[in-house]
Amino acid sequence: QVQLVESGGGLVQPGGSLRLSCAASGSIFRINVWAWYRQAPGKQRELVAIITSGGTTDYADSVKGRFIISRDDAKNTVYLQMNSLKPEDTAVYYCHCAGSWGQGTQVTVSS
């Protein structure tokens, strides 16, 4: 089983930036696909970004051009660089890989 621990959330003003990290530990052989999801209050969890083992990425339309997903396989870690943050980005952000979920990290965008 894979354990995931996210970090890097917090409170930021509109237009600001945050970088989320998610480190995997446990029974890791190879992580093929990493993904970041988010869930805002009263809304369903949605896919934000995904990255494959070959480095191919894809993003939700709402974050394209503002968020960047990356991975460091040597550290079994995935990152989400979030720029030009908007109030509508406020949510709990979760990483996902190998059938496991992290505990989530809160991101709040507010002035």
C-alpha atoms as a PDB file:
ATOM      1  CA  GLN A   1       0.000   0.000   0.000  1.00  0.00           C
ATOM      2  CA  VAL A   2       1.136   3.509  -0.826  1.00  0.00           C
ATOM      3  CA  GLN A   3       0.923   6.356   1.659  1.00  0.00           C
ATOM      4  CA  LEU A   4       0.701   9.921   0.385  1.00  0.00           C
ATOM      5  CA  VAL A   5       1.410  13.084   2.351  1.00  0.00           C
ATOM      6  CA  GLU A   6       0.587  16.503   0.912  1.00  0.00           C
ATOM      7  CA  SER A   7       2.010  19.826   2.026  1.00  0.00           C
ATOM      8  CA  GLY A   8       2.193  23.427   0.911  1.00  0.00           C
ATOM      9  CA  GLY A   9      -1.372  24.629   1.261  1.00  0.00           C
ATOM     10  CA  GLY A  10      -2.351  27.845   2.973  1.00  0.00           C
ATOM     11  CA  LEU A  11      -3.935  31.251   2.646  1.00  0.00           C
ATOM     12  CA  VAL A  12      -2.904  33.431  -0.277  1.00  0.00           C
ATOM     13  CA  GLN A  13      -4.209  36.623  -1.828  1.00  0.00           C
ATOM     14  CA  PRO A  14      -5.716  36.636  -5.331  1.00  0.00           C
ATOM     15  CA  GLY A  15      -2.962  36.708  -7.898  1.00  0.00           C
ATOM     16  CA  GLY A  16      -0.547  34.949  -5.590  1.00  0.00           C
ATOM     17  CA  SER A  17       1.212  31.605  -5.887  1.00  0.00           C
ATOM     18  CA  LEU A  18       1.557  28.409  -3.922  1.00  0.00           C
ATOM     19  CA  ARG A  19       3.395  25.167  -4.527  1.00  0.00           C
ATOM     20  CA  LEU A  20       1.904  21.925  -3.305  1.00  0.00           C
ATOM     21  CA  SER A  21       3.963  18.794  -2.749  1.00  0.00           C
ATOM     22  CA  CYS A  22       2.911  15.197  -2.330  1.00  0.00           C
ATOM     23  CA  ALA A  23       5.373  12.525  -1.236  1.00  0.00           C
ATOM     24  CA  ALA A  24       4.726   8.823  -1.573  1.00  0.00           C
ATOM     25  CA  SER A  25       6.033   6.083   0.679  1.00  0.00           C
ATOM     26  CA  GLY A  26       5.328   2.418   1.289  1.00  0.00           C
ATOM     27  CA  SER A  27       4.997  -0.329  -1.277  1.00  0.00           C
ATOM     28  CA  ILE A  28       6.202   1.622  -4.285  1.00  0.00           C
ATOM     29  CA  PHE A  29       7.433  -0.161  -7.343  1.00  0.00           C
ATOM     30  CA  ARG A  30       6.757   2.401  -9.998  1.00  0.00           C
ATOM     31  CA  ILE A  31       4.341   5.256 -10.072  1.00  0.00           C
ATOM     32  CA  ASN A  32       3.052   5.615 -13.579  1.00  0.00           C
ATOM     33  CA  VAL A  33       0.489   8.356 -13.183  1.00  0.00           C
ATOM     34  CA  TRP A  34       0.204  11.116 -10.599  1.00  0.00           C
ATOM     35  CA  ALA A  35      -2.834  13.335 -10.329  1.00  0.00           C
ATOM     36  CA  TRP A  36      -4.024  16.316  -8.334  1.00  0.00           C
ATOM     37  CA  TYR A  37      -7.713  16.726  -7.539  1.00  0.00           C
ATOM     38  CA  ARG A  38      -9.567  19.366  -5.603  1.00  0.00           C
ATOM     39  CA  GLN A  39     -12.870  19.621  -3.812  1.00  0.00           C
ATOM     40  CA  ALA A  40     -14.538  22.889  -2.957  1.00  0.00           C
ATOM     41  CA  PRO A  41     -17.298  23.109  -0.310  1.00  0.00           C
ATOM     42  CA  GLY A  42     -20.562  21.743  -1.666  1.00  0.00           C
ATOM     43  CA  LYS A  43     -18.963  20.552  -4.897  1.00  0.00           C
ATOM     44  CA  GLN A  44     -17.767  17.253  -6.273  1.00  0.00           C
ATOM     45  CA  ARG A  45     -14.088  16.370  -6.342  1.00  0.00           C
ATOM     46  CA  GLU A  46     -12.609  17.341  -9.690  1.00  0.00           C
ATOM     47  CA  LEU A  47      -9.450  16.474 -11.557  1.00  0.00           C
ATOM     48  CA  VAL A  48      -7.034  19.399 -11.719  1.00  0.00           C
ATOM     49  CA  ALA A  49      -3.894  18.012 -13.343  1.00  0.00           C
ATOM     50  CA  ILE A  50      -2.288  14.741 -14.320  1.00  0.00           C
ATOM     51  CA  ILE A  51       1.221  13.668 -15.276  1.00  0.00           C
ATOM     52  CA  THR A  52       2.348  10.348 -16.733  1.00  0.00           C
ATOM     53  CA  SER A  53       5.628   8.523 -16.296  1.00  0.00           C
ATOM     54  CA  GLY A  54       6.682   9.876 -19.665  1.00  0.00           C
ATOM     55  CA  GLY A  55       6.069  13.439 -18.552  1.00  0.00           C
ATOM     56  CA  THR A  56       2.867  13.998 -20.490  1.00  0.00           C
ATOM     57  CA  THR A  57       0.612  16.436 -18.681  1.00  0.00           C
ATOM     58  CA  ASP A  58      -2.993  17.514 -18.893  1.00  0.00           C
ATOM     59  CA  TYR A  59      -4.990  20.114 -17.026  1.00  0.00           C
ATOM     60  CA  ALA A  60      -8.532  21.120 -16.297  1.00  0.00           C
ATOM     61  CA  ASP A  61      -9.524  24.021 -18.518  1.00  0.00           C
ATOM     62  CA  SER A  62     -10.015  26.213 -15.455  1.00  0.00           C
ATOM     63  CA  VAL A  63      -6.319  25.999 -14.517  1.00  0.00           C
ATOM     64  CA  LYS A  64      -4.589  25.779 -17.901  1.00  0.00           C
ATOM     65  CA  GLY A  65      -1.855  28.363 -18.226  1.00  0.00           C
ATOM     66  CA  ARG A  66      -1.778  28.968 -14.459  1.00  0.00           C
ATOM     67  CA  PHE A  67      -0.915  25.617 -12.854  1.00  0.00           C
ATOM     68  CA  ILE A  68       2.044  23.357 -13.574  1.00  0.00           C
ATOM     69  CA  ILE A  69       2.320  19.738 -12.468  1.00  0.00           C
ATOM     70  CA  SER A  70       5.735  18.110 -12.208  1.00  0.00           C
ATOM     71  CA  ARG A  71       7.262  15.011 -10.696  1.00  0.00           C
ATOM     72  CA  ASP A  72      10.546  13.909  -9.154  1.00  0.00           C
ATOM     73  CA  ASP A  73      10.719  10.134  -9.424  1.00  0.00           C
ATOM     74  CA  ALA A  74      13.909   9.952  -7.388  1.00  0.00           C
ATOM     75  CA  LYS A  75      11.965  11.414  -4.473  1.00  0.00           C
ATOM     76  CA  ASN A  76       8.611   9.757  -5.289  1.00  0.00           C
ATOM     77  CA  THR A  77       7.119  13.222  -5.156  1.00  0.00           C
ATOM     78  CA  VAL A  78       4.720  15.222  -7.281  1.00  0.00           C
ATOM     79  CA  TYR A  79       4.327  18.995  -7.244  1.00  0.00           C
ATOM     80  CA  LEU A  80       1.642  21.438  -8.255  1.00  0.00           C
ATOM     81  CA  GLN A  81       2.825  24.987  -8.887  1.00  0.00           C
ATOM     82  CA  MET A  82      -0.200  27.259  -8.731  1.00  0.00           C
ATOM     83  CA  ASN A  83       0.128  30.790 -10.089  1.00  0.00           C
ATOM     84  CA  SER A  84      -2.300  33.651 -10.600  1.00  0.00           C
ATOM     85  CA  LEU A  85      -4.578  32.127  -8.003  1.00  0.00           C
ATOM     86  CA  LYS A  86      -8.235  33.093  -7.960  1.00  0.00           C
ATOM     87  CA  PRO A  87     -10.855  32.850  -5.193  1.00  0.00           C
ATOM     88  CA  GLU A  88     -12.508  30.041  -7.154  1.00  0.00           C
ATOM     89  CA  ASP A  89      -9.356  27.965  -6.693  1.00  0.00           C
ATOM     90  CA  THR A  90     -10.200  27.692  -3.009  1.00  0.00           C
ATOM     91  CA  ALA A  91     -10.564  24.012  -2.175  1.00  0.00           C
ATOM     92  CA  VAL A  92      -8.985  21.046  -0.479  1.00  0.00           C
ATOM     93  CA  TYR A  93      -6.371  19.647  -2.840  1.00  0.00           C
ATOM     94  CA  TYR A  94      -5.660  15.915  -2.933  1.00  0.00           C
ATOM     95  CA  CYS A  95      -2.957  13.954  -4.685  1.00  0.00           C
ATOM     96  CA  HIS A  96      -3.617  10.505  -6.068  1.00  0.00           C
ATOM     97  CA  CYS A  97      -1.478   7.663  -7.354  1.00  0.00           C
ATOM     98  CA  ALA A  98      -1.423   3.879  -7.316  1.00  0.00           C
ATOM     99  CA  GLY A  99      -4.990   3.755  -6.018  1.00  0.00           C
ATOM    100  CA  SER A 100      -4.190   5.832  -2.948  1.00  0.00           C
ATOM    101  CA  TRP A 101      -5.259   9.295  -1.832  1.00  0.00           C
ATOM    102  CA  GLY A 102      -3.503  11.818   0.340  1.00  0.00           C
ATOM    103  CA  GLN A 103      -5.211  13.434   3.317  1.00  0.00           C
ATOM    104  CA  GLY A 104      -5.673  16.712   1.466  1.00  0.00           C
ATOM    105  CA  THR A 105      -4.279  20.196   1.974  1.00  0.00           C
ATOM    106  CA  GLN A 106      -6.420  23.322   2.205  1.00  0.00           C
ATOM    107  CA  VAL A 107      -5.843  26.144  -0.251  1.00  0.00           C
ATOM    108  CA  THR A 108      -7.687  29.387   0.439  1.00  0.00           C
ATOM    109  CA  VAL A 109      -7.498  32.322  -1.947  1.00  0.00           C
ATOM    110  CA  SER A 110      -8.870  35.450  -0.348  1.00  0.00           C
ATOM    111  CA  SER A 111      -8.035  39.082   0.228  1.00  0.00           C
END
